[in-house]
């Protein structure tokens, strides 16, 4: 083979290597897109709708024990788990829950993370700002039957910050979850 043939062969090998690399990159990107859109929602006709129906704002909450949080939030607040990805050591790397037509994402970020409840145990300032029953860095959720929801949360061990309140802006109550994150529940019929 002459020098021109050797150059062509080298160029062909280089081109094939670049093509394989590009194909691998495309497969990884496609897998990432697929993973991002695996969460499906049901429409009125029963067909699955793609993730582009995701709400415009999605709270992302960290938990020391994300697996326990997923399960507790289902039993206490009636949320529905729709996704659970774990690390090799069994920690929650990504979880998703539906609350009505809303979405909540959660995870256990690092072993060093401390929940609001644990933060208050070691930080006087956090303890002081948490003495009020108001929602501090919390999430507002609309529910259909506030009385039933309140009783379910109380029975599951939620820390009730305020009993059901009447009057403007609507029937509501406040609670903390098992790690001290605060939730504000409003009844949809009265808002």
Protein backbone atom coordinates (compact mmCIF):
# COMPACT_ATOMS: atom_id res chain seq x y z
CA UNK A 1 0.00 0.00 0.00
CA UNK A 2 1.35 3.40 -0.95
CA UNK A 3 1.56 6.46 1.25
CA UNK A 4 -1.72 7.72 -0.13
CA UNK A 5 -3.38 4.36 0.66
CA UNK A 6 -1.95 4.41 4.18
CA UNK A 7 -3.30 7.92 4.71
CA UNK A 8 -6.74 6.84 3.48
CA UNK A 9 -6.70 3.78 5.77
CA UNK A 10 -5.64 5.92 8.75
CA UNK A 11 -8.32 8.48 7.92
CA UNK A 12 -10.92 5.68 7.68
CA UNK A 13 -9.90 4.26 11.09
CA UNK A 14 -10.02 7.76 12.59
CA UNK A 15 -13.44 8.38 11.05
CA UNK A 16 -14.78 5.04 12.38
CA UNK A 17 -13.43 5.76 15.86
CA UNK A 18 -15.05 9.21 15.82
CA UNK A 19 -18.33 7.66 14.60
CA UNK A 20 -18.27 5.07 17.41
CA UNK A 21 -17.58 7.80 19.98
CA UNK A 22 -20.43 9.94 18.60
CA UNK A 23 -22.79 6.94 18.64
CA UNK A 24 -21.86 6.20 22.26
CA UNK A 25 -22.46 9.84 23.20
CA UNK A 26 -25.85 9.79 21.42
CA UNK A 27 -26.82 6.59 23.28
CA UNK A 28 -25.84 8.11 26.65
CA UNK A 29 -27.79 11.28 25.93
CA UNK A 30 -30.81 9.26 24.78
CA UNK A 31 -30.61 7.15 27.94
CA UNK A 32 -30.49 10.33 30.02
CA UNK A 33 -33.51 11.74 28.21
CA UNK A 34 -35.34 8.45 28.62
CA UNK A 35 -34.58 8.39 32.35
CA UNK A 36 -35.79 11.98 32.67
CA UNK A 37 -39.08 11.16 30.97
CA UNK A 38 -39.84 7.77 32.53
CA UNK A 39 -42.33 9.38 34.89
CA UNK A 40 -45.68 9.24 33.17
CA UNK A 41 -48.98 10.70 34.19
CA UNK A 42 -52.43 9.49 33.28
CA UNK A 43 -54.69 11.79 31.32
CA UNK A 44 -58.50 11.76 31.52
CA UNK A 45 -58.60 9.24 28.67
CA UNK A 46 -56.29 6.89 30.56
CA UNK A 47 -53.35 7.36 28.22
CA UNK A 48 -49.91 8.16 29.58
CA UNK A 49 -48.79 11.74 29.11
CA UNK A 50 -45.11 12.58 28.83
CA UNK A 51 -43.21 14.46 31.50
CA UNK A 52 -43.71 17.75 29.65
CA UNK A 53 -46.92 18.02 31.73
CA UNK A 54 -44.75 18.55 34.80
CA UNK A 55 -45.87 21.53 36.90
CA UNK A 56 -44.04 24.80 36.37
CA UNK A 57 -42.66 24.80 39.92
CA UNK A 58 -41.45 21.62 41.62
CA UNK A 59 -40.20 21.64 45.24
CA UNK A 60 -36.98 19.65 45.73
CA UNK A 61 -36.51 18.60 49.35
CA UNK A 62 -33.56 16.87 51.01
CA UNK A 63 -33.99 14.15 53.63
CA UNK A 64 -31.45 12.36 55.78
CA UNK A 65 -33.36 9.13 55.11
CA UNK A 66 -35.06 9.60 51.77
CA UNK A 67 -36.49 6.07 51.62
CA UNK A 68 -38.19 6.49 55.00
CA UNK A 69 -39.43 9.94 53.89
CA UNK A 70 -41.02 8.52 50.71
CA UNK A 71 -42.90 5.91 52.71
CA UNK A 72 -43.88 8.27 55.53
CA UNK A 73 -45.13 11.00 53.19
CA UNK A 74 -47.34 8.42 51.47
CA UNK A 75 -48.90 7.21 54.71
CA UNK A 76 -49.12 10.56 56.51
CA UNK A 77 -49.96 13.02 53.75
CA UNK A 78 -51.41 10.71 51.09
CA UNK A 79 -48.80 11.53 48.44
CA UNK A 80 -48.18 8.95 45.69
CA UNK A 81 -44.68 7.73 44.97
CA UNK A 82 -43.94 7.78 41.23
CA UNK A 83 -40.16 7.34 41.09
CA UNK A 84 -37.41 5.91 43.31
CA UNK A 85 -33.75 5.74 42.31
CA UNK A 86 -31.22 4.51 44.83
CA UNK A 87 -27.46 4.50 45.16
CA UNK A 88 -25.52 1.22 45.39
CA UNK A 89 -25.51 1.58 49.19
CA UNK A 90 -29.31 1.93 49.31
CA UNK A 91 -29.67 5.71 49.77
CA UNK A 92 -32.30 7.65 47.85
CA UNK A 93 -30.61 9.49 44.99
CA UNK A 94 -33.90 10.72 43.47
CA UNK A 95 -37.54 10.27 44.38
CA UNK A 96 -40.73 11.76 43.01
CA UNK A 97 -44.16 12.00 44.57
CA UNK A 98 -47.46 13.31 43.27
CA UNK A 99 -49.69 15.42 45.47
CA UNK A 100 -52.91 16.02 43.55
CA UNK A 101 -51.67 17.37 40.23
CA UNK A 102 -48.45 18.64 41.87
CA UNK A 103 -45.02 17.08 41.99
CA UNK A 104 -42.45 16.90 44.78
CA UNK A 105 -38.88 15.65 44.31
CA UNK A 106 -36.71 14.43 47.17
CA UNK A 107 -33.34 12.84 47.82
CA UNK A 108 -30.67 12.16 50.43
CA UNK A 109 -27.88 14.43 49.18
CA UNK A 110 -24.84 13.61 51.37
CA UNK A 111 -24.10 11.93 54.70
CA UNK A 112 -23.30 15.41 56.08
CA UNK A 113 -26.83 16.77 55.38
CA UNK A 114 -28.88 17.59 58.48
CA UNK A 115 -32.65 17.88 58.43
CA UNK A 116 -34.39 20.94 59.92
CA UNK A 117 -35.27 18.86 62.99
CA UNK A 118 -31.66 17.81 63.59
CA UNK A 119 -30.39 21.31 62.77
CA UNK A 120 -32.55 22.71 65.57
CA UNK A 121 -30.96 20.26 68.01
CA UNK A 122 -27.51 21.83 67.54
CA UNK A 123 -28.26 25.41 66.46
CA UNK A 124 -29.80 27.90 68.87
CA UNK A 125 -30.73 30.30 66.08
CA UNK A 126 -32.60 27.58 64.14
CA UNK A 127 -34.35 26.57 67.36
CA UNK A 128 -35.47 30.19 67.89
CA UNK A 129 -36.80 30.75 64.38
CA UNK A 130 -38.75 27.49 64.60
CA UNK A 131 -40.70 28.47 67.73
CA UNK A 132 -43.48 29.97 65.63
CA UNK A 133 -46.05 27.68 63.94
CA UNK A 134 -45.61 29.39 60.57
CA UNK A 135 -44.22 27.73 57.49
CA UNK A 136 -40.50 28.42 57.26
CA UNK A 137 -39.10 27.19 53.94
CA UNK A 138 -42.07 24.91 53.48
CA UNK A 139 -44.53 23.68 50.88
CA UNK A 140 -48.19 24.60 50.42
CA UNK A 141 -50.46 21.74 49.30
CA UNK A 142 -54.15 21.86 48.39
CA UNK A 143 -56.25 18.89 49.53
CA UNK A 144 -59.90 17.95 48.96
CA UNK A 145 -60.90 16.83 52.46
CA UNK A 146 -58.96 18.80 55.05
CA UNK A 147 -60.53 17.10 58.07
CA UNK A 148 -59.66 13.60 56.82
CA UNK A 149 -56.18 14.76 55.78
CA UNK A 150 -55.55 16.36 59.18
CA UNK A 151 -56.55 13.18 61.02
CA UNK A 152 -54.41 10.99 58.73
CA UNK A 153 -51.36 13.21 59.28
CA UNK A 154 -51.90 13.38 63.05
CA UNK A 155 -52.35 9.59 63.31
CA UNK A 156 -49.15 9.00 61.28
CA UNK A 157 -47.15 11.10 63.74
CA UNK A 158 -46.89 14.45 61.96
CA UNK A 159 -46.06 17.30 64.31
CA UNK A 160 -49.18 19.45 64.14
CA UNK A 161 -48.17 23.11 64.22
CA UNK A 162 -51.72 24.48 64.09
CA UNK A 163 -55.17 22.95 64.36
CA UNK A 164 -57.53 23.45 61.45
CA UNK A 165 -58.16 27.17 61.11
CA UNK A 166 -61.21 28.77 59.50
CA UNK A 167 -61.60 32.08 57.72
CA UNK A 168 -59.75 33.95 55.01
CA UNK A 169 -57.82 32.89 53.06
CA UNK A 170 -59.42 29.44 53.58
CA UNK A 171 -59.54 26.34 55.80
CA UNK A 172 -55.99 25.26 56.57
CA UNK A 173 -53.55 23.65 58.97
CA UNK A 174 -49.77 23.40 59.33
CA UNK A 175 -47.62 20.37 60.10
CA UNK A 176 -44.04 19.13 60.18
CA UNK A 177 -42.97 15.83 58.69
CA UNK A 178 -40.72 13.25 60.31
CA UNK A 179 -37.55 15.30 59.63
CA UNK A 180 -38.98 18.73 60.47
CA UNK A 181 -39.87 20.05 57.01
CA UNK A 182 -42.96 22.22 57.21
CA UNK A 183 -46.13 21.74 55.17
CA UNK A 184 -49.14 24.02 54.81
CA UNK A 185 -52.39 22.27 53.82
CA UNK A 186 -55.35 24.19 52.39
CA UNK A 187 -58.76 22.77 51.56
CA UNK A 188 -59.50 23.22 47.86
CA UNK A 189 -63.25 23.80 48.28
CA UNK A 190 -62.70 26.86 50.46
CA UNK A 191 -59.90 28.60 48.52
